[in-house]
């Protein structure tokens, strides 16, 4: 009984491993979406976003730790939410292009 369950488990693990390798997820350096990995790290993007926000006169100490996202189009989005919500305009985001590091601030009313 134990040997049968062990063989079934081993067979399942082998099939699962081969399936993952066949679709490329287990290949070292493979990116799940098929695109090249980003040029910048999250830390570098955060530094770029903080410099852009500071140059606009925004006090980053008034904001929570930002949320950082990277999309398939090669665009980083850094979302800042004010600690003490005070109505419309309590958040902004910084869009950073992965190709050249160009940062654009978008103030929101959401």
C-alpha atoms as a PDB file:
ATOM      1  CA  UNK A   1       0.000   0.000   0.000  1.00  0.00           C
ATOM      2  CA  UNK A   2       2.764   2.433   0.957  1.00  0.00           C
ATOM      3  CA  UNK A   3       4.767   1.536  -2.150  1.00  0.00           C
ATOM      4  CA  UNK A   4       1.746   2.105  -4.402  1.00  0.00           C
ATOM      5  CA  UNK A   5       1.046   5.553  -2.929  1.00  0.00           C
ATOM      6  CA  UNK A   6       4.727   6.453  -3.154  1.00  0.00           C
ATOM      7  CA  UNK A   7       4.880   5.435  -6.823  1.00  0.00           C
ATOM      8  CA  UNK A   8       1.712   7.426  -7.589  1.00  0.00           C
ATOM      9  CA  UNK A   9       3.131  10.483  -5.831  1.00  0.00           C
ATOM     10  CA  UNK A  10       6.433  10.145  -7.652  1.00  0.00           C
ATOM     11  CA  UNK A  11       4.674   9.750 -11.006  1.00  0.00           C
ATOM     12  CA  UNK A  12       2.519  12.820 -10.339  1.00  0.00           C
ATOM     13  CA  UNK A  13       5.548  14.898  -9.316  1.00  0.00           C
ATOM     14  CA  UNK A  14       7.423  13.816 -12.448  1.00  0.00           C
ATOM     15  CA  UNK A  15       4.520  14.695 -14.748  1.00  0.00           C
ATOM     16  CA  UNK A  16       4.014  18.047 -13.016  1.00  0.00           C
ATOM     17  CA  UNK A  17       7.715  18.891 -13.301  1.00  0.00           C
ATOM     18  CA  UNK A  18       7.812  17.979 -16.988  1.00  0.00           C
ATOM     19  CA  UNK A  19       4.687  20.044 -17.652  1.00  0.00           C
ATOM     20  CA  UNK A  20       6.185  23.094 -15.951  1.00  0.00           C
ATOM     21  CA  UNK A  21       9.430  22.694 -17.872  1.00  0.00           C
ATOM     22  CA  UNK A  22       7.534  22.319 -21.150  1.00  0.00           C
ATOM     23  CA  UNK A  23       5.823  25.686 -20.759  1.00  0.00           C
ATOM     24  CA  UNK A  24       9.052  27.392 -19.775  1.00  0.00           C
ATOM     25  CA  UNK A  25       8.336  28.310 -16.178  1.00  0.00           C
ATOM     26  CA  UNK A  26      11.214  26.252 -14.816  1.00  0.00           C
ATOM     27  CA  UNK A  27      13.801  27.588 -17.243  1.00  0.00           C
ATOM     28  CA  UNK A  28      16.299  29.835 -15.427  1.00  0.00           C
ATOM     29  CA  UNK A  29      15.813  33.462 -16.432  1.00  0.00           C
ATOM     30  CA  UNK A  30      12.428  32.856 -18.045  1.00  0.00           C
ATOM     31  CA  UNK A  31       9.965  35.691 -17.552  1.00  0.00           C
ATOM     32  CA  UNK A  32       6.354  34.521 -17.090  1.00  0.00           C
ATOM     33  CA  UNK A  33       4.865  36.983 -19.563  1.00  0.00           C
ATOM     34  CA  UNK A  34       7.436  36.299 -22.261  1.00  0.00           C
ATOM     35  CA  UNK A  35       8.842  39.812 -22.068  1.00  0.00           C
ATOM     36  CA  UNK A  36      12.299  40.861 -21.043  1.00  0.00           C
ATOM     37  CA  UNK A  37      12.765  41.521 -17.333  1.00  0.00           C
ATOM     38  CA  UNK A  38      12.698  45.194 -16.282  1.00  0.00           C
ATOM     39  CA  UNK A  39      15.869  47.276 -16.538  1.00  0.00           C
ATOM     40  CA  UNK A  40      15.328  49.008 -13.206  1.00  0.00           C
ATOM     41  CA  UNK A  41      14.884  47.444  -9.787  1.00  0.00           C
ATOM     42  CA  UNK A  42      11.994  48.450  -7.532  1.00  0.00           C
ATOM     43  CA  UNK A  43      14.437  50.381  -5.352  1.00  0.00           C
ATOM     44  CA  UNK A  44      15.741  52.402  -8.315  1.00  0.00           C
ATOM     45  CA  UNK A  45      12.186  53.142  -9.467  1.00  0.00           C
ATOM     46  CA  UNK A  46      11.270  54.247  -5.943  1.00  0.00           C
ATOM     47  CA  UNK A  47      14.267  56.610  -5.885  1.00  0.00           C
ATOM     48  CA  UNK A  48      13.257  58.079  -9.268  1.00  0.00           C
ATOM     49  CA  UNK A  49       9.651  58.516  -8.088  1.00  0.00           C
ATOM     50  CA  UNK A  50      10.695  60.153  -4.814  1.00  0.00           C
ATOM     51  CA  UNK A  51      12.994  62.606  -6.603  1.00  0.00           C
ATOM     52  CA  UNK A  52      10.199  63.515  -9.030  1.00  0.00           C
ATOM     53  CA  UNK A  53       7.709  64.032  -6.187  1.00  0.00           C
ATOM     54  CA  UNK A  54      10.164  66.115  -4.161  1.00  0.00           C
ATOM     55  CA  UNK A  55      10.865  68.297  -7.196  1.00  0.00           C
ATOM     56  CA  UNK A  56       7.109  69.043  -7.315  1.00  0.00           C
ATOM     57  CA  UNK A  57       7.175  70.113  -3.664  1.00  0.00           C
ATOM     58  CA  UNK A  58       5.328  67.097  -2.279  1.00  0.00           C
ATOM     59  CA  UNK A  59       6.196  66.174   1.320  1.00  0.00           C
ATOM     60  CA  UNK A  60       6.692  62.409   1.182  1.00  0.00           C
ATOM     61  CA  UNK A  61       6.631  62.133   4.971  1.00  0.00           C
ATOM     62  CA  UNK A  62       2.878  62.849   4.721  1.00  0.00           C
ATOM     63  CA  UNK A  63       2.359  59.668   2.674  1.00  0.00           C
ATOM     64  CA  UNK A  64       2.318  55.944   3.439  1.00  0.00           C
ATOM     65  CA  UNK A  65       4.848  53.544   1.959  1.00  0.00           C
ATOM     66  CA  UNK A  66       4.045  53.530  -1.765  1.00  0.00           C
ATOM     67  CA  UNK A  67       2.758  50.599  -3.787  1.00  0.00           C
ATOM     68  CA  UNK A  68       4.953  49.756  -6.800  1.00  0.00           C
ATOM     69  CA  UNK A  69       3.678  47.905  -9.887  1.00  0.00           C
ATOM     70  CA  UNK A  70       5.301  46.925 -13.184  1.00  0.00           C
ATOM     71  CA  UNK A  71       3.198  46.096 -16.229  1.00  0.00           C
ATOM     72  CA  UNK A  72       3.758  44.244 -19.497  1.00  0.00           C
ATOM     73  CA  UNK A  73       4.182  47.506 -21.429  1.00  0.00           C
ATOM     74  CA  UNK A  74       7.356  48.316 -19.485  1.00  0.00           C
ATOM     75  CA  UNK A  75       5.774  50.968 -17.272  1.00  0.00           C
ATOM     76  CA  UNK A  76       6.316  51.279 -13.527  1.00  0.00           C
ATOM     77  CA  UNK A  77       3.555  52.847 -11.418  1.00  0.00           C
ATOM     78  CA  UNK A  78       4.346  54.117  -7.919  1.00  0.00           C
ATOM     79  CA  UNK A  79       1.192  54.969  -5.936  1.00  0.00           C
ATOM     80  CA  UNK A  80       1.401  57.281  -2.911  1.00  0.00           C
ATOM     81  CA  UNK A  81      -1.552  57.503  -0.470  1.00  0.00           C
ATOM     82  CA  UNK A  82      -1.692  60.264   2.166  1.00  0.00           C
ATOM     83  CA  UNK A  83      -1.517  59.021   5.777  1.00  0.00           C
ATOM     84  CA  UNK A  84      -4.345  61.232   7.013  1.00  0.00           C
ATOM     85  CA  UNK A  85      -6.998  61.302   4.314  1.00  0.00           C
ATOM     86  CA  UNK A  86      -8.335  64.795   3.877  1.00  0.00           C
ATOM     87  CA  UNK A  87     -10.752  64.455   0.978  1.00  0.00           C
ATOM     88  CA  UNK A  88     -10.079  64.599  -2.757  1.00  0.00           C
ATOM     89  CA  UNK A  89      -6.481  64.755  -3.879  1.00  0.00           C
ATOM     90  CA  UNK A  90      -5.086  62.660  -1.056  1.00  0.00           C
ATOM     91  CA  UNK A  91      -3.074  60.488  -3.406  1.00  0.00           C
ATOM     92  CA  UNK A  92      -0.854  60.722  -6.443  1.00  0.00           C
ATOM     93  CA  UNK A  93       1.085  58.368  -8.602  1.00  0.00           C
ATOM     94  CA  UNK A  94       4.347  58.538 -10.456  1.00  0.00           C
ATOM     95  CA  UNK A  95       4.646  56.775 -13.799  1.00  0.00           C
ATOM     96  CA  UNK A  96       8.214  55.724 -14.633  1.00  0.00           C
ATOM     97  CA  UNK A  97       9.108  54.385 -18.076  1.00  0.00           C
ATOM     98  CA  UNK A  98      11.422  51.400 -17.797  1.00  0.00           C
ATOM     99  CA  UNK A  99      13.057  52.219 -21.141  1.00  0.00           C
ATOM    100  CA  UNK A 100      14.533  55.569 -20.091  1.00  0.00           C
ATOM    101  CA  UNK A 101      13.567  56.285 -16.470  1.00  0.00           C
ATOM    102  CA  UNK A 102      11.366  59.249 -17.435  1.00  0.00           C
ATOM    103  CA  UNK A 103       9.016  60.054 -14.542  1.00  0.00           C
ATOM    104  CA  UNK A 104       5.615  61.740 -14.769  1.00  0.00           C
ATOM    105  CA  UNK A 105       3.514  62.726 -11.754  1.00  0.00           C
ATOM    106  CA  UNK A 106      -0.243  62.259 -11.950  1.00  0.00           C
ATOM    107  CA  UNK A 107      -2.225  63.831  -9.165  1.00  0.00           C
ATOM    108  CA  UNK A 108      -5.516  62.170  -8.460  1.00  0.00           C
ATOM    109  CA  UNK A 109      -8.831  62.902  -6.886  1.00  0.00           C
ATOM    110  CA  UNK A 110      -9.642  59.269  -6.193  1.00  0.00           C
END
